[in-house]
Amino acid sequence: MFILFILLILSAITIEIMEDLPYSVALDTAYHVCTAIHIISGFLFAVFGIFHIIYNWKTLKHYLKGK
């Protein structure tokens, strides 16, 4: 999840930088690749986050109950 989080941040920064550059076919292709990476890594981050909560639900519940 940490790697996906870093990938999300880097792809978002790259997309923001590319939006300000002048148009070219190579940059347009790179922009679409970065956007696809951002969407896929965001989806995987959400899915793995849900699995992480489900897998650790007992511990999480115990931790919250103790507070």
PDB file of N, CA and C in Angstrom:
ATOM      1  N   MET A   1       0.828  -1.179   0.000  1.00  0.00           N
ATOM      2  CA  MET A   1       0.000   0.000   0.000  1.00  0.00           C
ATOM      3  C   MET A   1       0.879   1.251   0.000  1.00  0.00           C
ATOM      4  N   PHE A   2       2.010   1.175   0.679  1.00  0.00           N
ATOM      5  CA  PHE A   2       2.896   2.331   0.715  1.00  0.00           C
ATOM      6  C   PHE A   2       3.416   2.659  -0.683  1.00  0.00           C
ATOM      7  N   ILE A   3       3.794   1.634  -1.429  1.00  0.00           N
ATOM      8  CA  ILE A   3       4.298   1.843  -2.793  1.00  0.00           C
ATOM      9  C   ILE A   3       3.196   2.427  -3.677  1.00  0.00           C
ATOM     10  N   LEU A   4       1.979   1.928  -3.547  1.00  0.00           N
ATOM     11  CA  LEU A   4       0.865   2.480  -4.316  1.00  0.00           C
ATOM     12  C   LEU A   4       0.594   3.933  -3.938  1.00  0.00           C
ATOM     13  N   PHE A   5       0.716   4.263  -2.664  1.00  0.00           N
ATOM     14  CA  PHE A   5       0.520   5.630  -2.216  1.00  0.00           C
ATOM     15  C   PHE A   5       1.566   6.563  -2.825  1.00  0.00           C
ATOM     16  N   ILE A   6       2.818   6.140  -2.821  1.00  0.00           N
ATOM     17  CA  ILE A   6       3.890   6.938  -3.433  1.00  0.00           C
ATOM     18  C   ILE A   6       3.649   7.075  -4.931  1.00  0.00           C
ATOM     19  N   LEU A   7       3.226   5.996  -5.577  1.00  0.00           N
ATOM     20  CA  LEU A   7       2.932   6.023  -7.014  1.00  0.00           C
ATOM     21  C   LEU A   7       1.786   6.981  -7.322  1.00  0.00           C
ATOM     22  N   LEU A   8       0.781   7.018  -6.465  1.00  0.00           N
ATOM     23  CA  LEU A   8      -0.325   7.962  -6.629  1.00  0.00           C
ATOM     24  C   LEU A   8       0.173   9.403  -6.556  1.00  0.00           C
ATOM     25  N   ILE A   9       1.008   9.692  -5.592  1.00  0.00           N
ATOM     26  CA  ILE A   9       1.531  11.044  -5.436  1.00  0.00           C
ATOM     27  C   ILE A   9       2.385  11.446  -6.639  1.00  0.00           C
ATOM     28  N   LEU A  10       3.291  10.566  -7.047  1.00  0.00           N
ATOM     29  CA  LEU A  10       4.175  10.881  -8.168  1.00  0.00           C
ATOM     30  C   LEU A  10       3.414  11.037  -9.480  1.00  0.00           C
ATOM     31  N   SER A  11       2.432  10.178  -9.714  1.00  0.00           N
ATOM     32  CA  SER A  11       1.668  10.297 -10.955  1.00  0.00           C
ATOM     33  C   SER A  11       0.805  11.555 -10.950  1.00  0.00           C
ATOM     34  N   ALA A  12       0.280  11.942  -9.800  1.00  0.00           N
ATOM     35  CA  ALA A  12      -0.514  13.170  -9.724  1.00  0.00           C
ATOM     36  C   ALA A  12       0.363  14.395  -9.995  1.00  0.00           C
ATOM     37  N   ILE A  13       1.555  14.420  -9.434  1.00  0.00           N
ATOM     38  CA  ILE A  13       2.468  15.536  -9.682  1.00  0.00           C
ATOM     39  C   ILE A  13       2.859  15.581 -11.148  1.00  0.00           C
ATOM     40  N   THR A  14       3.147  14.427 -11.736  1.00  0.00           N
ATOM     41  CA  THR A  14       3.520  14.361 -13.143  1.00  0.00           C
ATOM     42  C   THR A  14       2.379  14.847 -14.035  1.00  0.00           C
ATOM     43  N   ILE A  15       1.165  14.456 -13.729  1.00  0.00           N
ATOM     44  CA  ILE A  15       0.004  14.893 -14.514  1.00  0.00           C
ATOM     45  C   ILE A  15      -0.147  16.410 -14.426  1.00  0.00           C
ATOM     46  N   GLU A  16       0.001  16.966 -13.239  1.00  0.00           N
ATOM     47  CA  GLU A  16      -0.122  18.418 -13.067  1.00  0.00           C
ATOM     48  C   GLU A  16       0.951  19.171 -13.850  1.00  0.00           C
ATOM     49  N   ILE A  17       2.169  18.657 -13.860  1.00  0.00           N
ATOM     50  CA  ILE A  17       3.251  19.300 -14.602  1.00  0.00           C
ATOM     51  C   ILE A  17       2.991  19.212 -16.100  1.00  0.00           C
ATOM     52  N   MET A  18       2.541  18.051 -16.567  1.00  0.00           N
ATOM     53  CA  MET A  18       2.312  17.858 -17.995  1.00  0.00           C
ATOM     54  C   MET A  18       1.165  18.706 -18.533  1.00  0.00           C
ATOM     55  N   GLU A  19       0.223  19.050 -17.702  1.00  0.00           N
ATOM     56  CA  GLU A  19      -0.890  19.877 -18.162  1.00  0.00           C
ATOM     57  C   GLU A  19      -0.432  21.273 -18.562  1.00  0.00           C
ATOM     58  N   ASP A  20       0.652  21.746 -17.973  1.00  0.00           N
ATOM     59  CA  ASP A  20       1.139  23.092 -18.263  1.00  0.00           C
ATOM     60  C   ASP A  20       2.114  23.150 -19.438  1.00  0.00           C
ATOM     61  N   LEU A  21       2.578  22.004 -19.923  1.00  0.00           N
ATOM     62  CA  LEU A  21       3.533  21.981 -21.024  1.00  0.00           C
ATOM     63  C   LEU A  21       2.818  22.140 -22.358  1.00  0.00           C
ATOM     64  N   PRO A  22       3.520  22.660 -23.366  1.00  0.00           N
ATOM     65  CA  PRO A  22       2.893  22.779 -24.688  1.00  0.00           C
ATOM     66  C   PRO A  22       2.592  21.398 -25.274  1.00  0.00           C
ATOM     67  N   TYR A  23       1.594  21.348 -26.160  1.00  0.00           N
ATOM     68  CA  TYR A  23       1.119  20.077 -26.709  1.00  0.00           C
ATOM     69  C   TYR A  23       2.140  19.468 -27.656  1.00  0.00           C
ATOM     70  N   SER A  24       2.342  18.166 -27.528  1.00  0.00           N
ATOM     71  CA  SER A  24       3.056  17.354 -28.511  1.00  0.00           C
ATOM     72  C   SER A  24       2.515  15.934 -28.393  1.00  0.00           C
ATOM     73  N   VAL A  25       2.675  15.161 -29.439  1.00  0.00           N
ATOM     74  CA  VAL A  25       2.133  13.805 -29.444  1.00  0.00           C
ATOM     75  C   VAL A  25       2.786  12.950 -28.366  1.00  0.00           C
ATOM     76  N   ALA A  26       4.091  13.093 -28.187  1.00  0.00           N
ATOM     77  CA  ALA A  26       4.805  12.305 -27.178  1.00  0.00           C
ATOM     78  C   ALA A  26       4.325  12.665 -25.775  1.00  0.00           C
ATOM     79  N   LEU A  27       4.160  13.963 -25.512  1.00  0.00           N
ATOM     80  CA  LEU A  27       3.683  14.370 -24.191  1.00  0.00           C
ATOM     81  C   LEU A  27       2.241  13.958 -23.970  1.00  0.00           C
ATOM     82  N   ASP A  28       1.443  13.987 -25.040  1.00  0.00           N
ATOM     83  CA  ASP A  28       0.054  13.562 -24.912  1.00  0.00           C
ATOM     84  C   ASP A  28      -0.020  12.082 -24.561  1.00  0.00           C
ATOM     85  N   THR A  29       0.809  11.272 -25.192  1.00  0.00           N
ATOM     86  CA  THR A  29       0.850   9.846 -24.889  1.00  0.00           C
ATOM     87  C   THR A  29       1.330   9.612 -23.458  1.00  0.00           C
ATOM     88  N   ALA A  30       2.371  10.330 -23.052  1.00  0.00           N
ATOM     89  CA  ALA A  30       2.880  10.190 -21.684  1.00  0.00           C
ATOM     90  C   ALA A  30       1.827  10.637 -20.670  1.00  0.00           C
ATOM     91  N   TYR A  31       1.079  11.678 -21.021  1.00  0.00           N
ATOM     92  CA  TYR A  31       0.008  12.158 -20.138  1.00  0.00           C
ATOM     93  C   TYR A  31      -1.047  11.072 -19.941  1.00  0.00           C
ATOM     94  N   HIS A  32      -1.435  10.409 -21.024  1.00  0.00           N
ATOM     95  CA  HIS A  32      -2.441   9.354 -20.919  1.00  0.00           C
ATOM     96  C   HIS A  32      -1.910   8.147 -20.147  1.00  0.00           C
ATOM     97  N   VAL A  33      -0.649   7.831 -20.300  1.00  0.00           N
ATOM     98  CA  VAL A  33      -0.043   6.734 -19.548  1.00  0.00           C
ATOM     99  C   VAL A  33      -0.022   7.070 -18.059  1.00  0.00           C
ATOM    100  N   CYS A  34       0.385   8.289 -17.720  1.00  0.00           N
ATOM    101  CA  CYS A  34       0.410   8.696 -16.308  1.00  0.00           C
ATOM    102  C   CYS A  34      -0.991   8.713 -15.717  1.00  0.00           C
ATOM    103  N   THR A  35      -1.969   9.128 -16.503  1.00  0.00           N
ATOM    104  CA  THR A  35      -3.349   9.131 -16.029  1.00  0.00           C
ATOM    105  C   THR A  35      -3.837   7.700 -15.771  1.00  0.00           C
ATOM    106  N   ALA A  36      -3.497   6.786 -16.677  1.00  0.00           N
ATOM    107  CA  ALA A  36      -3.888   5.381 -16.499  1.00  0.00           C
ATOM    108  C   ALA A  36      -3.208   4.794 -15.256  1.00  0.00           C
ATOM    109  N   ILE A  37      -1.926   5.101 -15.070  1.00  0.00           N
ATOM    110  CA  ILE A  37      -1.211   4.621 -13.885  1.00  0.00           C
ATOM    111  C   ILE A  37      -1.869   5.170 -12.623  1.00  0.00           C
ATOM    112  N   HIS A  38      -2.250   6.443 -12.654  1.00  0.00           N
ATOM    113  CA  HIS A  38      -2.880   7.076 -11.498  1.00  0.00           C
ATOM    114  C   HIS A  38      -4.226   6.414 -11.168  1.00  0.00           C
ATOM    115  N   ILE A  39      -5.024   6.154 -12.180  1.00  0.00           N
ATOM    116  CA  ILE A  39      -6.336   5.540 -11.964  1.00  0.00           C
ATOM    117  C   ILE A  39      -6.194   4.105 -11.450  1.00  0.00           C
ATOM    118  N   ILE A  40      -5.325   3.335 -12.071  1.00  0.00           N
ATOM    119  CA  ILE A  40      -5.140   1.936 -11.672  1.00  0.00           C
ATOM    120  C   ILE A  40      -4.558   1.838 -10.266  1.00  0.00           C
ATOM    121  N   SER A  41      -3.550   2.659  -9.959  1.00  0.00           N
ATOM    122  CA  SER A  41      -2.960   2.594  -8.621  1.00  0.00           C
ATOM    123  C   SER A  41      -3.941   3.094  -7.561  1.00  0.00           C
ATOM    124  N   GLY A  42      -4.786   4.062  -7.902  1.00  0.00           N
ATOM    125  CA  GLY A  42      -5.819   4.509  -6.961  1.00  0.00           C
ATOM    126  C   GLY A  42      -6.838   3.431  -6.683  1.00  0.00           C
ATOM    127  N   PHE A  43      -7.251   2.726  -7.737  1.00  0.00           N
ATOM    128  CA  PHE A  43      -8.193   1.621  -7.569  1.00  0.00           C
ATOM    129  C   PHE A  43      -7.582   0.510  -6.715  1.00  0.00           C
ATOM    130  N   LEU A  44      -6.339   0.134  -7.015  1.00  0.00           N
ATOM    131  CA  LEU A  44      -5.677  -0.920  -6.240  1.00  0.00           C
ATOM    132  C   LEU A  44      -5.465  -0.497  -4.796  1.00  0.00           C
ATOM    133  N   PHE A  45      -5.145   0.777  -4.570  1.00  0.00           N
ATOM    134  CA  PHE A  45      -4.972   1.287  -3.210  1.00  0.00           C
ATOM    135  C   PHE A  45      -6.273   1.142  -2.422  1.00  0.00           C
ATOM    136  N   ALA A  46      -7.394   1.473  -3.054  1.00  0.00           N
ATOM    137  CA  ALA A  46      -8.691   1.349  -2.382  1.00  0.00           C
ATOM    138  C   ALA A  46      -9.022  -0.116  -2.096  1.00  0.00           C
ATOM    139  N   VAL A  47      -8.789  -0.987  -3.074  1.00  0.00           N
ATOM    140  CA  VAL A  47      -9.089  -2.416  -2.902  1.00  0.00           C
ATOM    141  C   VAL A  47      -8.216  -3.019  -1.802  1.00  0.00           C
ATOM    142  N   PHE A  48      -6.915  -2.765  -1.850  1.00  0.00           N
ATOM    143  CA  PHE A  48      -6.023  -3.296  -0.820  1.00  0.00           C
ATOM    144  C   PHE A  48      -6.330  -2.692   0.547  1.00  0.00           C
ATOM    145  N   GLY A  49      -6.754  -1.440   0.571  1.00  0.00           N
ATOM    146  CA  GLY A  49      -7.146  -0.818   1.834  1.00  0.00           C
ATOM    147  C   GLY A  49      -8.347  -1.511   2.451  1.00  0.00           C
ATOM    148  N   ILE A  50      -9.321  -1.861   1.629  1.00  0.00           N
ATOM    149  CA  ILE A  50     -10.502  -2.583   2.114  1.00  0.00           C
ATOM    150  C   ILE A  50     -10.108  -3.968   2.626  1.00  0.00           C
ATOM    151  N   PHE A  51      -9.269  -4.680   1.852  1.00  0.00           N
ATOM    152  CA  PHE A  51      -8.807  -5.996   2.306  1.00  0.00           C
ATOM    153  C   PHE A  51      -8.003  -5.882   3.604  1.00  0.00           C
ATOM    154  N   HIS A  52      -7.222  -4.831   3.722  1.00  0.00           N
ATOM    155  CA  HIS A  52      -6.429  -4.627   4.929  1.00  0.00           C
ATOM    156  C   HIS A  52      -7.336  -4.419   6.147  1.00  0.00           C
ATOM    157  N   ILE A  53      -8.380  -3.637   5.984  1.00  0.00           N
ATOM    158  CA  ILE A  53      -9.330  -3.416   7.083  1.00  0.00           C
ATOM    159  C   ILE A  53     -10.067  -4.707   7.416  1.00  0.00           C
ATOM    160  N   ILE A  54     -10.504  -5.447   6.412  1.00  0.00           N
ATOM    161  CA  ILE A  54     -11.214  -6.713   6.655  1.00  0.00           C
ATOM    162  C   ILE A  54     -10.293  -7.712   7.362  1.00  0.00           C
ATOM    163  N   TYR A  55      -9.063  -7.830   6.882  1.00  0.00           N
ATOM    164  CA  TYR A  55      -8.126  -8.793   7.453  1.00  0.00           C
ATOM    165  C   TYR A  55      -7.770  -8.441   8.899  1.00  0.00           C
ATOM    166  N   ASN A  56      -7.706  -7.162   9.215  1.00  0.00           N
ATOM    167  CA  ASN A  56      -7.306  -6.723  10.553  1.00  0.00           C
ATOM    168  C   ASN A  56      -8.482  -6.196  11.368  1.00  0.00           C
ATOM    169  N   TRP A  57      -9.695  -6.571  11.028  1.00  0.00           N
ATOM    170  CA  TRP A  57     -10.878  -6.046  11.689  1.00  0.00           C
ATOM    171  C   TRP A  57     -10.894  -6.366  13.191  1.00  0.00           C
ATOM    172  N   LYS A  58     -10.517  -7.590  13.536  1.00  0.00           N
ATOM    173  CA  LYS A  58     -10.534  -7.998  14.945  1.00  0.00           C
ATOM    174  C   LYS A  58      -9.570  -7.138  15.768  1.00  0.00           C
ATOM    175  N   THR A  59      -8.390  -6.941  15.256  1.00  0.00           N
ATOM    176  CA  THR A  59      -7.400  -6.122  15.953  1.00  0.00           C
ATOM    177  C   THR A  59      -7.858  -4.667  16.021  1.00  0.00           C
ATOM    178  N   LEU A  60      -8.399  -4.160  14.940  1.00  0.00           N
ATOM    179  CA  LEU A  60      -8.879  -2.783  14.903  1.00  0.00           C
ATOM    180  C   LEU A  60     -10.015  -2.567  15.900  1.00  0.00           C
ATOM    181  N   LYS A  61     -10.937  -3.524  15.957  1.00  0.00           N
ATOM    182  CA  LYS A  61     -12.049  -3.433  16.890  1.00  0.00           C
ATOM    183  C   LYS A  61     -11.553  -3.480  18.326  1.00  0.00           C
ATOM    184  N   HIS A  62     -10.593  -4.351  18.592  1.00  0.00           N
ATOM    185  CA  HIS A  62     -10.021  -4.463  19.931  1.00  0.00           C
ATOM    186  C   HIS A  62      -9.304  -3.171  20.317  1.00  0.00           C
ATOM    187  N   TYR A  63      -8.600  -2.581  19.381  1.00  0.00           N
ATOM    188  CA  TYR A  63      -7.865  -1.351  19.646  1.00  0.00           C
ATOM    189  C   TYR A  63      -8.832  -0.201  19.945  1.00  0.00           C
ATOM    190  N   LEU A  64      -9.899  -0.078  19.164  1.00  0.00           N
ATOM    191  CA  LEU A  64     -10.863   0.992  19.374  1.00  0.00           C
ATOM    192  C   LEU A  64     -11.669   0.804  20.646  1.00  0.00           C
ATOM    193  N   LYS A  65     -11.927  -0.445  21.000  1.00  0.00           N
ATOM    194  CA  LYS A  65     -12.683  -0.730  22.225  1.00  0.00           C
ATOM    195  C   LYS A  65     -11.878  -0.373  23.462  1.00  0.00           C
ATOM    196  N   GLY A  66     -10.558  -0.536  23.396  1.00  0.00           N
ATOM    197  CA  GLY A  66      -9.705  -0.235  24.532  1.00  0.00           C
ATOM    198  C   GLY A  66      -9.597   1.245  24.821  1.00  0.00           C
ATOM    199  N   LYS A  67      -9.875   2.072  23.855  1.00  0.00           N
ATOM    200  CA  LYS A  67      -9.774   3.521  24.047  1.00  0.00           C
ATOM    201  C   LYS A  67     -11.050   3.990  24.658  1.00  0.00           C
TER     202      LYS A  67
END
